[in-house]
Amino acid sequence: MFQLTPVYDRLVAERGDIPVQVRGEADRIHRDLAEVLPQLPSTPPAYDAAEAPPGPAAPQRHP
């Protein structure tokens, strides 16, 4: 994207390719988190009606 601009080339030469460094760190953090956090199922488990947690109370109507 920016590789064809002289300003970007000069910044990369002076400071390093920051977007590439950030992407690498994000990938590393993602891998680290995948190791320590349990994988959550993509769909919630099915509950038996007797085991289902109570939901919010239905609103009461006042005459």
N, C-alpha and C. Protein backbone atom coordinates (compact mmCIF):
# COMPACT_ATOMS: atom_id res chain seq x y z
N MET A 1 0.83 -1.18 0.00
CA MET A 1 0.00 0.00 0.00
C MET A 1 0.88 1.25 0.00
N PHE A 2 1.78 1.40 0.98
CA PHE A 2 2.61 2.58 1.06
C PHE A 2 3.99 2.38 0.43
N GLN A 3 4.30 1.20 -0.05
CA GLN A 3 5.64 0.90 -0.52
C GLN A 3 6.07 1.78 -1.69
N LEU A 4 5.15 2.36 -2.42
CA LEU A 4 5.50 3.12 -3.61
C LEU A 4 5.72 4.60 -3.32
N THR A 5 5.65 5.02 -2.05
CA THR A 5 5.82 6.43 -1.73
C THR A 5 7.20 6.67 -1.12
N PRO A 6 7.88 7.71 -1.55
CA PRO A 6 9.21 8.00 -1.00
C PRO A 6 9.17 8.32 0.49
N VAL A 7 8.10 8.96 0.95
CA VAL A 7 7.99 9.30 2.37
C VAL A 7 7.96 8.02 3.21
N TYR A 8 7.15 7.06 2.78
CA TYR A 8 7.07 5.79 3.51
C TYR A 8 8.41 5.07 3.50
N ASP A 9 9.06 5.04 2.35
CA ASP A 9 10.38 4.39 2.26
C ASP A 9 11.37 5.03 3.22
N ARG A 10 11.34 6.36 3.30
CA ARG A 10 12.27 7.06 4.20
C ARG A 10 11.94 6.76 5.67
N LEU A 11 10.64 6.74 6.00
CA LEU A 11 10.25 6.42 7.38
C LEU A 11 10.65 4.99 7.75
N VAL A 12 10.48 4.06 6.84
CA VAL A 12 10.87 2.67 7.10
C VAL A 12 12.38 2.59 7.31
N ALA A 13 13.13 3.32 6.52
CA ALA A 13 14.59 3.32 6.67
C ALA A 13 15.01 3.91 8.01
N GLU A 14 14.28 4.95 8.46
CA GLU A 14 14.64 5.62 9.72
C GLU A 14 14.11 4.89 10.95
N ARG A 15 12.86 4.42 10.89
CA ARG A 15 12.18 3.91 12.08
C ARG A 15 11.87 2.42 12.04
N GLY A 16 12.00 1.80 10.89
CA GLY A 16 11.60 0.40 10.75
C GLY A 16 10.18 0.33 10.23
N ASP A 17 9.78 -0.83 9.78
CA ASP A 17 8.44 -1.02 9.22
C ASP A 17 7.47 -1.29 10.36
N ILE A 18 6.94 -0.22 10.93
CA ILE A 18 6.09 -0.32 12.12
C ILE A 18 4.85 -1.18 11.87
N PRO A 19 4.12 -1.03 10.74
CA PRO A 19 2.96 -1.90 10.54
C PRO A 19 3.32 -3.40 10.56
N VAL A 20 4.46 -3.75 9.99
CA VAL A 20 4.87 -5.16 10.02
C VAL A 20 5.20 -5.59 11.44
N GLN A 21 5.85 -4.72 12.21
CA GLN A 21 6.18 -5.04 13.59
C GLN A 21 4.91 -5.21 14.43
N VAL A 22 3.95 -4.31 14.24
CA VAL A 22 2.70 -4.38 14.99
C VAL A 22 1.94 -5.66 14.63
N ARG A 23 1.90 -5.98 13.35
CA ARG A 23 1.21 -7.20 12.92
C ARG A 23 1.86 -8.43 13.55
N GLY A 24 3.19 -8.45 13.59
CA GLY A 24 3.90 -9.57 14.21
C GLY A 24 3.59 -9.69 15.69
N GLU A 25 3.55 -8.55 16.39
CA GLU A 25 3.23 -8.58 17.83
C GLU A 25 1.79 -9.03 18.05
N ALA A 26 0.87 -8.56 17.21
CA ALA A 26 -0.53 -8.98 17.33
C ALA A 26 -0.67 -10.48 17.12
N ASP A 27 0.05 -11.02 16.15
CA ASP A 27 0.01 -12.47 15.92
C ASP A 27 0.57 -13.22 17.12
N ARG A 28 1.66 -12.71 17.71
CA ARG A 28 2.27 -13.36 18.87
C ARG A 28 1.31 -13.34 20.05
N ILE A 29 0.67 -12.20 20.30
CA ILE A 29 -0.28 -12.10 21.40
C ILE A 29 -1.46 -13.04 21.17
N HIS A 30 -1.93 -13.11 19.95
CA HIS A 30 -3.04 -14.01 19.62
C HIS A 30 -2.67 -15.46 19.93
N ARG A 31 -1.46 -15.86 19.54
CA ARG A 31 -1.00 -17.24 19.83
C ARG A 31 -0.88 -17.47 21.34
N ASP A 32 -0.33 -16.49 22.06
CA ASP A 32 -0.18 -16.63 23.51
C ASP A 32 -1.54 -16.76 24.19
N LEU A 33 -2.48 -15.93 23.78
CA LEU A 33 -3.82 -16.00 24.38
C LEU A 33 -4.51 -17.32 24.05
N ALA A 34 -4.31 -17.82 22.85
CA ALA A 34 -4.92 -19.09 22.48
C ALA A 34 -4.41 -20.23 23.35
N GLU A 35 -3.18 -20.11 23.86
CA GLU A 35 -2.63 -21.15 24.73
C GLU A 35 -3.20 -21.09 26.13
N VAL A 36 -3.51 -19.89 26.64
CA VAL A 36 -3.92 -19.77 28.04
C VAL A 36 -5.42 -19.64 28.24
N LEU A 37 -6.15 -19.21 27.23
CA LEU A 37 -7.59 -19.08 27.38
C LEU A 37 -8.28 -20.31 26.81
N PRO A 38 -9.28 -20.79 27.52
CA PRO A 38 -10.01 -21.95 26.97
C PRO A 38 -10.78 -21.54 25.72
N GLN A 39 -10.87 -22.48 24.81
CA GLN A 39 -11.64 -22.23 23.60
C GLN A 39 -13.12 -22.31 23.94
N LEU A 40 -13.86 -21.27 23.61
CA LEU A 40 -15.28 -21.25 23.88
C LEU A 40 -16.02 -21.89 22.71
N PRO A 41 -17.07 -22.65 23.00
CA PRO A 41 -17.83 -23.23 21.89
C PRO A 41 -18.48 -22.12 21.07
N SER A 42 -18.66 -22.38 19.79
CA SER A 42 -19.24 -21.36 18.92
C SER A 42 -20.73 -21.19 19.17
N THR A 43 -21.37 -22.20 19.72
CA THR A 43 -22.78 -22.10 20.08
C THR A 43 -22.92 -22.46 21.55
N PRO A 44 -23.82 -21.82 22.25
CA PRO A 44 -23.99 -22.14 23.67
C PRO A 44 -24.52 -23.56 23.83
N PRO A 45 -24.18 -24.20 24.93
CA PRO A 45 -24.68 -25.57 25.14
C PRO A 45 -26.20 -25.56 25.29
N ALA A 46 -26.82 -26.64 24.85
CA ALA A 46 -28.27 -26.77 24.98
C ALA A 46 -28.60 -27.15 26.42
N TYR A 47 -29.59 -26.50 26.99
CA TYR A 47 -30.01 -26.79 28.36
C TYR A 47 -31.31 -27.56 28.34
N ASP A 48 -31.42 -28.48 29.26
CA ASP A 48 -32.70 -29.13 29.50
C ASP A 48 -33.57 -28.09 30.21
N ALA A 49 -34.86 -28.08 29.96
CA ALA A 49 -35.74 -27.08 30.56
C ALA A 49 -35.62 -27.07 32.08
N ALA A 50 -35.40 -28.23 32.69
CA ALA A 50 -35.28 -28.31 34.15
C ALA A 50 -33.95 -27.72 34.62
N GLU A 51 -32.93 -27.73 33.76
CA GLU A 51 -31.60 -27.24 34.14
C GLU A 51 -31.34 -25.81 33.69
N ALA A 52 -32.23 -25.28 32.89
CA ALA A 52 -31.99 -23.95 32.32
C ALA A 52 -31.91 -22.90 33.42
N PRO A 53 -30.95 -21.99 33.31
CA PRO A 53 -30.88 -20.93 34.31
C PRO A 53 -32.09 -20.02 34.18
N PRO A 54 -32.50 -19.42 35.27
CA PRO A 54 -33.67 -18.54 35.19
C PRO A 54 -33.37 -17.33 34.33
N GLY A 55 -34.34 -16.95 33.53
CA GLY A 55 -34.17 -15.79 32.67
C GLY A 55 -34.69 -14.55 33.39
N PRO A 56 -34.70 -13.44 32.71
CA PRO A 56 -35.21 -12.22 33.35
C PRO A 56 -36.70 -12.37 33.61
N ALA A 57 -37.14 -11.75 34.67
CA ALA A 57 -38.56 -11.83 35.04
C ALA A 57 -39.39 -11.09 34.01
N ALA A 58 -40.56 -11.63 33.72
CA ALA A 58 -41.47 -10.97 32.77
C ALA A 58 -42.00 -9.70 33.41
N PRO A 59 -42.14 -8.65 32.63
CA PRO A 59 -42.66 -7.39 33.20
C PRO A 59 -44.09 -7.60 33.67
N GLN A 60 -44.40 -7.02 34.80
CA GLN A 60 -45.76 -7.14 35.33
C GLN A 60 -46.57 -5.96 34.85
N ARG A 61 -47.81 -6.25 34.49
CA ARG A 61 -48.71 -5.18 34.03
C ARG A 61 -49.54 -4.68 35.21
N HIS A 62 -49.64 -3.41 35.30
CA HIS A 62 -50.46 -2.80 36.35
C HIS A 62 -51.68 -2.19 35.67
N PRO A 63 -52.90 -2.56 36.17
CA PRO A 63 -54.12 -2.00 35.53
C PRO A 63 -54.29 -0.54 35.74
